[in-house]
Amino acid sequence: MGRGRAKAKQTKVARELKYNTPQTDLERLQQELSGGGSSMRLNTDEDDDPYGSWSDGSTRY
């Protein structure tokens, strides 16, 4: 019991997402696509392994 209210809310959210598209900030999108964003971090270290600290060199199966 009680699923009716939750389902109604899900239906409402789904309709809003389907029919009401948010305004797109085209200038910001252009900056992101051109690489002009200052918040982007470029990884220049080729040897940087994100999982390197998890591995101790031994493989166990």
PDB file of N, CA and C in Angstrom:
ATOM      1  N   MET A   1       0.823  -1.189   0.000  1.00  0.00           N
ATOM      2  CA  MET A   1       0.000   0.000   0.000  1.00  0.00           C
ATOM      3  C   MET A   1       0.862   1.245   0.000  1.00  0.00           C
ATOM      4  N   GLY A   2       0.342   2.324  -0.534  1.00  0.00           N
ATOM      5  CA  GLY A   2       1.083   3.565  -0.539  1.00  0.00           C
ATOM      6  C   GLY A   2       1.908   3.783  -1.794  1.00  0.00           C
ATOM      7  N   ARG A   3       1.856   2.864  -2.717  1.00  0.00           N
ATOM      8  CA  ARG A   3       2.652   3.000  -3.934  1.00  0.00           C
ATOM      9  C   ARG A   3       2.038   4.014  -4.898  1.00  0.00           C
ATOM     10  N   GLY A   4       0.774   4.307  -4.767  1.00  0.00           N
ATOM     11  CA  GLY A   4       0.097   5.216  -5.688  1.00  0.00           C
ATOM     12  C   GLY A   4       0.703   6.603  -5.712  1.00  0.00           C
ATOM     13  N   ARG A   5       1.023   7.140  -4.551  1.00  0.00           N
ATOM     14  CA  ARG A   5       1.593   8.485  -4.487  1.00  0.00           C
ATOM     15  C   ARG A   5       2.996   8.513  -5.091  1.00  0.00           C
ATOM     16  N   ALA A   6       3.800   7.489  -4.812  1.00  0.00           N
ATOM     17  CA  ALA A   6       5.155   7.423  -5.366  1.00  0.00           C
ATOM     18  C   ALA A   6       5.110   7.259  -6.881  1.00  0.00           C
ATOM     19  N   LYS A   7       4.203   6.428  -7.347  1.00  0.00           N
ATOM     20  CA  LYS A   7       4.085   6.227  -8.796  1.00  0.00           C
ATOM     21  C   LYS A   7       3.600   7.494  -9.477  1.00  0.00           C
ATOM     22  N   ALA A   8       2.695   8.217  -8.856  1.00  0.00           N
ATOM     23  CA  ALA A   8       2.205   9.465  -9.431  1.00  0.00           C
ATOM     24  C   ALA A   8       3.336  10.488  -9.538  1.00  0.00           C
ATOM     25  N   LYS A   9       4.196  10.538  -8.532  1.00  0.00           N
ATOM     26  CA  LYS A   9       5.318  11.469  -8.578  1.00  0.00           C
ATOM     27  C   LYS A   9       6.294  11.075  -9.683  1.00  0.00           C
ATOM     28  N   GLN A  10       6.577   9.773  -9.811  1.00  0.00           N
ATOM     29  CA  GLN A  10       7.470   9.307 -10.879  1.00  0.00           C
ATOM     30  C   GLN A  10       6.901   9.646 -12.252  1.00  0.00           C
ATOM     31  N   THR A  11       5.596   9.478 -12.404  1.00  0.00           N
ATOM     32  CA  THR A  11       4.947   9.796 -13.674  1.00  0.00           C
ATOM     33  C   THR A  11       5.051  11.286 -13.963  1.00  0.00           C
ATOM     34  N   LYS A  12       4.855  12.102 -12.941  1.00  0.00           N
ATOM     35  CA  LYS A  12       4.943  13.551 -13.108  1.00  0.00           C
ATOM     36  C   LYS A  12       6.351  13.965 -13.523  1.00  0.00           C
ATOM     37  N   VAL A  13       7.359  13.414 -12.865  1.00  0.00           N
ATOM     38  CA  VAL A  13       8.747  13.739 -13.194  1.00  0.00           C
ATOM     39  C   VAL A  13       9.078  13.277 -14.602  1.00  0.00           C
ATOM     40  N   ALA A  14       8.614  12.088 -14.978  1.00  0.00           N
ATOM     41  CA  ALA A  14       8.880  11.565 -16.321  1.00  0.00           C
ATOM     42  C   ALA A  14       8.247  12.459 -17.385  1.00  0.00           C
ATOM     43  N   ARG A  15       7.035  12.926 -17.139  1.00  0.00           N
ATOM     44  CA  ARG A  15       6.384  13.828 -18.098  1.00  0.00           C
ATOM     45  C   ARG A  15       7.127  15.149 -18.220  1.00  0.00           C
ATOM     46  N   GLU A  16       7.585  15.688 -17.087  1.00  0.00           N
ATOM     47  CA  GLU A  16       8.330  16.946 -17.121  1.00  0.00           C
ATOM     48  C   GLU A  16       9.615  16.788 -17.925  1.00  0.00           C
ATOM     49  N   LEU A  17      10.309  15.675 -17.738  1.00  0.00           N
ATOM     50  CA  LEU A  17      11.541  15.445 -18.484  1.00  0.00           C
ATOM     51  C   LEU A  17      11.277  15.247 -19.971  1.00  0.00           C
ATOM     52  N   LYS A  18      10.164  14.621 -20.290  1.00  0.00           N
ATOM     53  CA  LYS A  18       9.855  14.335 -21.681  1.00  0.00           C
ATOM     54  C   LYS A  18       9.404  15.571 -22.441  1.00  0.00           C
ATOM     55  N   TYR A  19       8.544  16.365 -21.836  1.00  0.00           N
ATOM     56  CA  TYR A  19       7.915  17.464 -22.555  1.00  0.00           C
ATOM     57  C   TYR A  19       8.499  18.842 -22.271  1.00  0.00           C
ATOM     58  N   ASN A  20       9.156  19.019 -21.153  1.00  0.00           N
ATOM     59  CA  ASN A  20       9.696  20.331 -20.800  1.00  0.00           C
ATOM     60  C   ASN A  20      11.211  20.278 -20.862  1.00  0.00           C
ATOM     61  N   THR A  21      11.777  20.679 -21.976  1.00  0.00           N
ATOM     62  CA  THR A  21      13.221  20.674 -22.119  1.00  0.00           C
ATOM     63  C   THR A  21      13.798  21.919 -21.463  1.00  0.00           C
ATOM     64  N   PRO A  22      14.864  21.771 -20.701  1.00  0.00           N
ATOM     65  CA  PRO A  22      15.468  22.939 -20.056  1.00  0.00           C
ATOM     66  C   PRO A  22      16.186  23.808 -21.081  1.00  0.00           C
ATOM     67  N   GLN A  23      16.368  25.069 -20.732  1.00  0.00           N
ATOM     68  CA  GLN A  23      17.081  25.993 -21.603  1.00  0.00           C
ATOM     69  C   GLN A  23      18.558  25.596 -21.641  1.00  0.00           C
ATOM     70  N   THR A  24      19.128  25.565 -22.824  1.00  0.00           N
ATOM     71  CA  THR A  24      20.520  25.204 -22.993  1.00  0.00           C
ATOM     72  C   THR A  24      21.360  26.460 -23.070  1.00  0.00           C
ATOM     73  N   ASP A  25      22.416  26.508 -22.262  1.00  0.00           N
ATOM     74  CA  ASP A  25      23.344  27.634 -22.294  1.00  0.00           C
ATOM     75  C   ASP A  25      24.360  27.355 -23.393  1.00  0.00           C
ATOM     76  N   LEU A  26      24.101  27.911 -24.574  1.00  0.00           N
ATOM     77  CA  LEU A  26      24.930  27.613 -25.735  1.00  0.00           C
ATOM     78  C   LEU A  26      26.344  28.164 -25.610  1.00  0.00           C
ATOM     79  N   GLU A  27      26.509  29.298 -24.951  1.00  0.00           N
ATOM     80  CA  GLU A  27      27.851  29.867 -24.766  1.00  0.00           C
ATOM     81  C   GLU A  27      28.703  28.955 -23.888  1.00  0.00           C
ATOM     82  N   ARG A  28      28.124  28.455 -22.819  1.00  0.00           N
ATOM     83  CA  ARG A  28      28.858  27.550 -21.932  1.00  0.00           C
ATOM     84  C   ARG A  28      29.194  26.244 -22.642  1.00  0.00           C
ATOM     85  N   LEU A  29      28.257  25.741 -23.428  1.00  0.00           N
ATOM     86  CA  LEU A  29      28.495  24.531 -24.194  1.00  0.00           C
ATOM     87  C   LEU A  29      29.640  24.729 -25.183  1.00  0.00           C
ATOM     88  N   GLN A  30      29.661  25.878 -25.846  1.00  0.00           N
ATOM     89  CA  GLN A  30      30.717  26.169 -26.793  1.00  0.00           C
ATOM     90  C   GLN A  30      32.073  26.232 -26.093  1.00  0.00           C
ATOM     91  N   GLN A  31      32.120  26.826 -24.907  1.00  0.00           N
ATOM     92  CA  GLN A  31      33.366  26.897 -24.141  1.00  0.00           C
ATOM     93  C   GLN A  31      33.846  25.498 -23.759  1.00  0.00           C
ATOM     94  N   GLU A  32      32.938  24.640 -23.327  1.00  0.00           N
ATOM     95  CA  GLU A  32      33.318  23.281 -22.939  1.00  0.00           C
ATOM     96  C   GLU A  32      33.837  22.492 -24.126  1.00  0.00           C
ATOM     97  N   LEU A  33      33.172  22.647 -25.274  1.00  0.00           N
ATOM     98  CA  LEU A  33      33.583  21.890 -26.451  1.00  0.00           C
ATOM     99  C   LEU A  33      34.896  22.399 -27.033  1.00  0.00           C
ATOM    100  N   SER A  34      35.162  23.688 -26.904  1.00  0.00           N
ATOM    101  CA  SER A  34      36.395  24.242 -27.446  1.00  0.00           C
ATOM    102  C   SER A  34      37.561  24.099 -26.476  1.00  0.00           C
ATOM    103  N   GLY A  35      37.297  23.640 -25.262  1.00  0.00           N
ATOM    104  CA  GLY A  35      38.369  23.477 -24.289  1.00  0.00           C
ATOM    105  C   GLY A  35      38.722  24.763 -23.589  1.00  0.00           C
ATOM    106  N   GLY A  36      37.858  25.742 -23.633  1.00  0.00           N
ATOM    107  CA  GLY A  36      38.132  27.033 -23.025  1.00  0.00           C
ATOM    108  C   GLY A  36      37.789  27.103 -21.552  1.00  0.00           C
ATOM    109  N   GLY A  37      37.279  26.017 -20.986  1.00  0.00           N
ATOM    110  CA  GLY A  37      36.897  26.041 -19.579  1.00  0.00           C
ATOM    111  C   GLY A  37      38.105  25.996 -18.670  1.00  0.00           C
ATOM    112  N   SER A  38      38.158  26.880 -17.697  1.00  0.00           N
ATOM    113  CA  SER A  38      39.301  26.919 -16.784  1.00  0.00           C
ATOM    114  C   SER A  38      39.191  25.843 -15.712  1.00  0.00           C
ATOM    115  N   SER A  39      38.010  25.252 -15.558  1.00  0.00           N
ATOM    116  CA  SER A  39      37.836  24.238 -14.528  1.00  0.00           C
ATOM    117  C   SER A  39      38.291  22.858 -14.986  1.00  0.00           C
ATOM    118  N   MET A  40      38.640  22.738 -16.271  1.00  0.00           N
ATOM    119  CA  MET A  40      39.085  21.446 -16.781  1.00  0.00           C
ATOM    120  C   MET A  40      40.537  21.211 -16.390  1.00  0.00           C
ATOM    121  N   ARG A  41      40.852  19.989 -15.953  1.00  0.00           N
ATOM    122  CA  ARG A  41      42.201  19.626 -15.558  1.00  0.00           C
ATOM    123  C   ARG A  41      42.755  18.669 -16.594  1.00  0.00           C
ATOM    124  N   LEU A  42      43.845  19.041 -17.199  1.00  0.00           N
ATOM    125  CA  LEU A  42      44.457  18.178 -18.181  1.00  0.00           C
ATOM    126  C   LEU A  42      45.471  17.277 -17.487  1.00  0.00           C
ATOM    127  N   ASN A  43      45.411  15.988 -17.774  1.00  0.00           N
ATOM    128  CA  ASN A  43      46.329  15.030 -17.193  1.00  0.00           C
ATOM    129  C   ASN A  43      47.485  14.832 -18.162  1.00  0.00           C
ATOM    130  N   THR A  44      48.651  15.396 -17.839  1.00  0.00           N
ATOM    131  CA  THR A  44      49.793  15.293 -18.731  1.00  0.00           C
ATOM    132  C   THR A  44      50.752  14.198 -18.312  1.00  0.00           C
ATOM    133  N   ASP A  45      50.587  13.613 -17.148  1.00  0.00           N
ATOM    134  CA  ASP A  45      51.467  12.556 -16.677  1.00  0.00           C
ATOM    135  C   ASP A  45      50.997  11.225 -17.254  1.00  0.00           C
ATOM    136  N   GLU A  46      51.764  10.675 -18.197  1.00  0.00           N
ATOM    137  CA  GLU A  46      51.355   9.446 -18.867  1.00  0.00           C
ATOM    138  C   GLU A  46      51.473   8.226 -17.966  1.00  0.00           C
ATOM    139  N   ASP A  47      52.357   8.278 -16.979  1.00  0.00           N
ATOM    140  CA  ASP A  47      52.560   7.131 -16.102  1.00  0.00           C
ATOM    141  C   ASP A  47      51.586   7.104 -14.940  1.00  0.00           C
ATOM    142  N   ASP A  48      50.690   8.048 -14.869  1.00  0.00           N
ATOM    143  CA  ASP A  48      49.745   8.129 -13.762  1.00  0.00           C
ATOM    144  C   ASP A  48      48.682   7.052 -13.919  1.00  0.00           C
ATOM    145  N   ASP A  49      48.747   6.035 -13.085  1.00  0.00           N
ATOM    146  CA  ASP A  49      47.792   4.929 -13.118  1.00  0.00           C
ATOM    147  C   ASP A  49      46.802   5.124 -11.978  1.00  0.00           C
ATOM    148  N   PRO A  50      45.504   5.341 -12.270  1.00  0.00           N
ATOM    149  CA  PRO A  50      44.540   5.587 -11.190  1.00  0.00           C
ATOM    150  C   PRO A  50      44.357   4.384 -10.274  1.00  0.00           C
ATOM    151  N   TYR A  51      44.723   3.186 -10.735  1.00  0.00           N
ATOM    152  CA  TYR A  51      44.585   1.985  -9.922  1.00  0.00           C
ATOM    153  C   TYR A  51      45.933   1.483  -9.420  1.00  0.00           C
ATOM    154  N   GLY A  52      46.976   2.252  -9.623  1.00  0.00           N
ATOM    155  CA  GLY A  52      48.313   1.837  -9.229  1.00  0.00           C
ATOM    156  C   GLY A  52      48.457   1.596  -7.733  1.00  0.00           C
ATOM    157  N   SER A  53      47.785   2.396  -6.926  1.00  0.00           N
ATOM    158  CA  SER A  53      47.900   2.234  -5.480  1.00  0.00           C
ATOM    159  C   SER A  53      47.135   1.016  -4.978  1.00  0.00           C
ATOM    160  N   TRP A  54      46.244   0.468  -5.785  1.00  0.00           N
ATOM    161  CA  TRP A  54      45.478  -0.700  -5.376  1.00  0.00           C
ATOM    162  C   TRP A  54      46.259  -1.984  -5.606  1.00  0.00           C
ATOM    163  N   SER A  55      47.214  -1.944  -6.496  1.00  0.00           N
ATOM    164  CA  SER A  55      47.943  -3.140  -6.869  1.00  0.00           C
ATOM    165  C   SER A  55      49.244  -3.211  -6.078  1.00  0.00           C
ATOM    166  N   ASP A  56      49.540  -4.396  -5.559  1.00  0.00           N
ATOM    167  CA  ASP A  56      50.811  -4.595  -4.877  1.00  0.00           C
ATOM    168  C   ASP A  56      51.772  -5.407  -5.725  1.00  0.00           C
ATOM    169  N   GLY A  57      51.406  -5.651  -6.980  1.00  0.00           N
ATOM    170  CA  GLY A  57      52.287  -6.354  -7.885  1.00  0.00           C
ATOM    171  C   GLY A  57      52.002  -7.836  -7.972  1.00  0.00           C
ATOM    172  N   SER A  58      51.322  -8.384  -7.003  1.00  0.00           N
ATOM    173  CA  SER A  58      51.025  -9.813  -7.054  1.00  0.00           C
ATOM    174  C   SER A  58      49.590 -10.010  -7.553  1.00  0.00           C
ATOM    175  N   THR A  59      49.397 -11.052  -8.304  1.00  0.00           N
ATOM    176  CA  THR A  59      48.078 -11.356  -8.834  1.00  0.00           C
ATOM    177  C   THR A  59      47.578 -12.626  -8.174  1.00  0.00           C
ATOM    178  N   ARG A  60      46.393 -12.535  -7.603  1.00  0.00           N
ATOM    179  CA  ARG A  60      45.790 -13.699  -6.930  1.00  0.00           C
ATOM    180  C   ARG A  60      44.500 -14.053  -7.637  1.00  0.00           C
ATOM    181  N   TYR A  61      44.341 -15.310  -7.960  1.00  0.00           N
ATOM    182  CA  TYR A  61      43.119 -15.779  -8.600  1.00  0.00           C
ATOM    183  C   TYR A  61      42.473 -16.845  -7.781  1.00  0.00           C
TER     184      TYR A  61
END
